[in-house]
Amino acid sequence: MSRLRIFPEDQPDSPKLSTSDQGEIARELAKIGVGFEQWRAAQPVKPGDTPETIMAAYRADIDRITAERGFKTVDVVSIAPDNPQRETMRGKFLDEHYHKEDEVRFFVAGSGLFTLHVEPNVYEIKCEQGDLISVPDSTLHWFDMGPEPSFVAIRFFTEPDGWVGYFTGTDIAQQFPRYERGQAG
């Protein structure tokens, strides 16, 4: 179940809001300019399906958001718990960073934990199957796929290097909850 927790940035153990209500999640994130939607597949898909099959299942929403936002490329990324590169992949975006374009991800399957630092709060969003999150460019954040990553996601880009992270060098990400073993999937 998708979840949003909002913490004061100086109180990583004390969320002031915790909700799994989709409407409330979308409303709270809209206040900071973050988009949150739920999509439904036009046909059944499963991990292991080809990117073409996955994108065909969500074609109407992909076309809509691409036209609205001007994305130039769309791809599918799939990571399984037995991926030999999982620790390296997890470590890439565990520290606070930002991107120079919007980070837009749709979870076809599995889950991941986006944590946004928008002063004076930290917003932790557990995204699961059917969730689209749109994080505006320059928003400080980190992403945790957990020690046993399991997700299939559709990614949207406007530039080939849009995924490059610019790290802040702070330790704030280490102060907040991680995506623990057994939570992904």
Protein backbone atom coordinates (compact mmCIF):
# COMPACT_ATOMS: atom_id res chain seq x y z
CA MET A 1 0.00 0.00 0.00
CA SER A 2 1.37 3.40 -0.98
CA ARG A 3 2.21 5.65 1.96
CA LEU A 4 3.22 9.21 2.70
CA ARG A 5 4.93 10.26 5.91
CA ILE A 6 5.88 13.86 6.59
CA PHE A 7 8.62 14.57 9.13
CA PRO A 8 9.97 17.86 10.44
CA GLU A 9 13.47 17.93 8.95
CA ASP A 10 15.01 17.87 12.44
CA GLN A 11 12.83 15.00 13.77
CA PRO A 12 13.50 11.84 11.71
CA ASP A 13 11.80 9.64 14.32
CA SER A 14 8.55 11.59 14.59
CA PRO A 15 6.33 11.84 11.52
CA LYS A 16 3.71 14.55 11.91
CA LEU A 17 1.55 12.89 9.23
CA SER A 18 1.29 9.30 8.04
CA THR A 19 -1.32 8.32 5.49
CA SER A 20 -2.09 5.64 2.93
CA ASP A 21 -5.09 7.50 1.54
CA GLN A 22 -4.37 8.09 -2.16
CA GLY A 23 -6.32 11.35 -2.29
CA GLU A 24 -4.60 12.75 0.80
CA ILE A 25 -1.19 11.72 -0.56
CA ALA A 26 -1.88 13.55 -3.82
CA ARG A 27 -3.19 16.66 -2.02
CA GLU A 28 -0.23 16.88 0.38
CA LEU A 29 2.31 16.40 -2.41
CA ALA A 30 0.56 18.95 -4.65
CA LYS A 31 1.26 21.56 -1.95
CA ILE A 32 4.98 21.19 -2.72
CA GLY A 33 4.56 20.86 -6.49
CA VAL A 34 4.93 17.08 -6.64
CA GLY A 35 2.53 15.13 -8.86
CA PHE A 36 1.05 11.82 -7.70
CA GLU A 37 -1.36 9.77 -9.83
CA GLN A 38 -2.69 6.23 -10.03
CA TRP A 39 -2.75 4.48 -13.41
CA ARG A 40 -4.44 1.23 -14.45
CA ALA A 41 -3.11 -1.11 -17.11
CA ALA A 42 -5.21 -1.57 -20.23
CA GLN A 43 -4.10 -5.21 -20.22
CA PRO A 44 -2.43 -7.45 -17.61
CA VAL A 45 1.37 -7.12 -17.27
CA LYS A 46 3.90 -8.84 -15.05
CA PRO A 47 7.61 -8.57 -14.23
CA GLY A 48 9.56 -10.13 -17.07
CA ASP A 49 7.28 -8.80 -19.79
CA THR A 50 9.05 -6.98 -22.58
CA PRO A 51 9.29 -3.18 -22.38
CA GLU A 52 7.07 -3.00 -25.46
CA THR A 53 4.34 -5.07 -23.76
CA ILE A 54 4.56 -2.97 -20.60
CA MET A 55 4.42 0.33 -22.47
CA ALA A 56 1.50 -0.91 -24.59
CA ALA A 57 -0.48 -1.60 -21.41
CA TYR A 58 -0.08 2.03 -20.31
CA ARG A 59 0.02 3.66 -23.76
CA ALA A 60 -2.87 6.10 -23.18
CA ASP A 61 -1.34 7.51 -19.97
CA ILE A 62 2.17 7.54 -21.45
CA ASP A 63 0.96 9.46 -24.49
CA ARG A 64 -1.03 11.89 -22.34
CA ILE A 65 1.80 12.77 -19.96
CA THR A 66 4.37 12.89 -22.77
CA ALA A 67 2.21 15.37 -24.69
CA GLU A 68 1.57 17.44 -21.55
CA ARG A 69 5.18 17.56 -20.38
CA GLY A 70 7.23 17.30 -23.58
CA PHE A 71 9.18 14.17 -22.69
CA LYS A 72 11.48 13.00 -25.47
CA THR A 73 12.23 9.47 -24.30
CA VAL A 74 10.46 6.82 -22.27
CA ASP A 75 11.98 3.56 -21.10
CA VAL A 76 11.36 0.65 -18.76
CA VAL A 77 13.74 -0.38 -15.99
CA SER A 78 13.42 -3.69 -14.16
CA ILE A 79 15.38 -4.72 -11.07
CA ALA A 80 15.00 -8.07 -9.30
CA PRO A 81 16.13 -9.05 -5.78
CA ASP A 82 18.81 -11.39 -7.18
CA ASN A 83 20.44 -8.73 -9.39
CA PRO A 84 24.21 -9.07 -8.75
CA GLN A 85 24.58 -5.28 -9.01
CA ARG A 86 21.77 -4.49 -6.52
CA GLU A 87 24.01 -3.03 -3.79
CA THR A 88 25.81 -0.77 -6.26
CA MET A 89 22.55 0.26 -7.87
CA ARG A 90 20.96 0.97 -4.48
CA GLY A 91 23.90 3.10 -3.42
CA LYS A 92 23.76 5.41 -6.45
CA PHE A 93 20.91 7.58 -5.19
CA LEU A 94 20.85 7.01 -1.40
CA ASP A 95 22.29 10.45 -0.60
CA GLU A 96 20.57 13.79 -1.03
CA HIS A 97 20.72 15.06 -4.59
CA TYR A 98 18.71 16.80 -7.28
CA HIS A 99 18.28 16.55 -11.03
CA LYS A 100 18.16 19.27 -13.66
CA GLU A 101 14.88 17.95 -15.04
CA ASP A 102 11.71 16.55 -13.49
CA GLU A 103 12.05 12.98 -12.21
CA VAL A 104 8.93 11.16 -13.36
CA ARG A 105 8.52 7.46 -12.57
CA PHE A 106 5.62 5.07 -12.87
CA PHE A 107 5.70 1.83 -10.85
CA VAL A 108 4.42 -1.04 -13.01
CA ALA A 109 5.30 -3.56 -10.28
CA GLY A 110 7.16 -3.66 -6.98
CA SER A 111 8.00 -0.59 -4.95
CA GLY A 112 10.56 2.04 -3.96
CA LEU A 113 10.97 4.81 -1.40
CA PHE A 114 11.31 8.41 -2.55
CA THR A 115 12.21 10.90 0.17
CA LEU A 116 11.99 14.61 -0.62
CA HIS A 117 13.60 17.39 1.40
CA VAL A 118 11.47 20.49 1.05
CA GLU A 119 12.25 22.77 3.96
CA PRO A 120 11.17 22.66 6.70
CA ASN A 121 9.93 19.09 6.09
CA VAL A 122 10.97 15.71 4.74
CA TYR A 123 8.36 13.82 2.69
CA GLU A 124 8.77 10.03 2.53
CA ILE A 125 6.70 8.43 -0.23
CA LYS A 126 6.49 4.66 -0.59
CA CYS A 127 5.50 4.15 -4.23
CA GLU A 128 3.97 0.86 -5.32
CA GLN A 129 2.33 -0.73 -8.35
CA GLY A 130 0.11 1.79 -10.13
CA ASP A 131 1.76 4.93 -8.68
CA LEU A 132 3.16 7.74 -10.80
CA ILE A 133 5.33 10.29 -9.02
CA SER A 134 6.56 13.49 -10.61
CA VAL A 135 9.32 15.27 -8.70
CA PRO A 136 10.09 18.78 -10.03
CA ASP A 137 13.63 19.56 -11.16
CA SER A 138 15.95 20.89 -8.47
CA THR A 139 13.92 19.25 -5.65
CA LEU A 140 16.31 17.78 -3.07
CA HIS A 141 15.61 14.10 -2.58
CA TRP A 142 16.98 10.57 -2.33
CA PHE A 143 15.69 7.19 -3.51
CA ASP A 144 15.98 3.84 -1.77
CA MET A 145 15.13 0.61 -3.61
CA GLY A 146 15.95 -1.45 -0.50
CA PRO A 147 18.45 -4.30 0.02
CA GLU A 148 16.21 -6.67 -1.95
CA PRO A 149 15.06 -4.40 -4.79
CA SER A 150 12.05 -5.49 -6.75
CA PHE A 151 10.40 -3.15 -9.19
CA VAL A 152 9.54 -2.46 -12.79
CA ALA A 153 9.22 1.24 -13.59
CA ILE A 154 8.54 3.41 -16.60
CA ARG A 155 10.86 6.42 -16.71
CA PHE A 156 10.33 9.68 -18.60
CA PHE A 157 13.13 12.00 -19.76
CA THR A 158 13.48 15.27 -21.63
CA GLU A 159 17.27 15.01 -22.01
CA PRO A 160 19.60 12.00 -22.38
CA ASP A 161 21.44 12.93 -19.17
CA GLY A 162 18.30 13.81 -17.21
CA TRP A 163 18.95 10.98 -14.73
CA VAL A 164 22.30 12.45 -13.59
CA GLY A 165 22.21 13.34 -9.90
CA TYR A 166 23.88 16.41 -8.40
CA PHE A 167 24.74 15.61 -4.79
CA THR A 168 24.54 18.14 -1.96
CA GLY A 169 27.12 16.52 0.33
CA THR A 170 24.84 16.63 3.38
CA ASP A 171 24.17 13.66 5.64
CA ILE A 172 20.43 14.26 6.04
CA ALA A 173 19.50 11.10 4.10
CA GLN A 174 21.34 8.93 6.63
CA GLN A 175 19.21 10.37 9.44
CA PHE A 176 15.88 9.22 8.01
CA PRO A 177 14.36 5.70 7.72
CA ARG A 178 15.67 3.42 4.98
CA TYR A 179 13.71 0.95 2.91
CA GLU A 180 14.36 -2.15 4.97
CA ARG A 181 14.67 -5.81 4.03
CA GLY A 182 11.31 -7.34 3.19
CA GLN A 183 9.57 -4.04 2.37
CA ALA A 184 10.24 -4.03 -1.36
CA GLY A 185 8.14 -6.06 -3.70
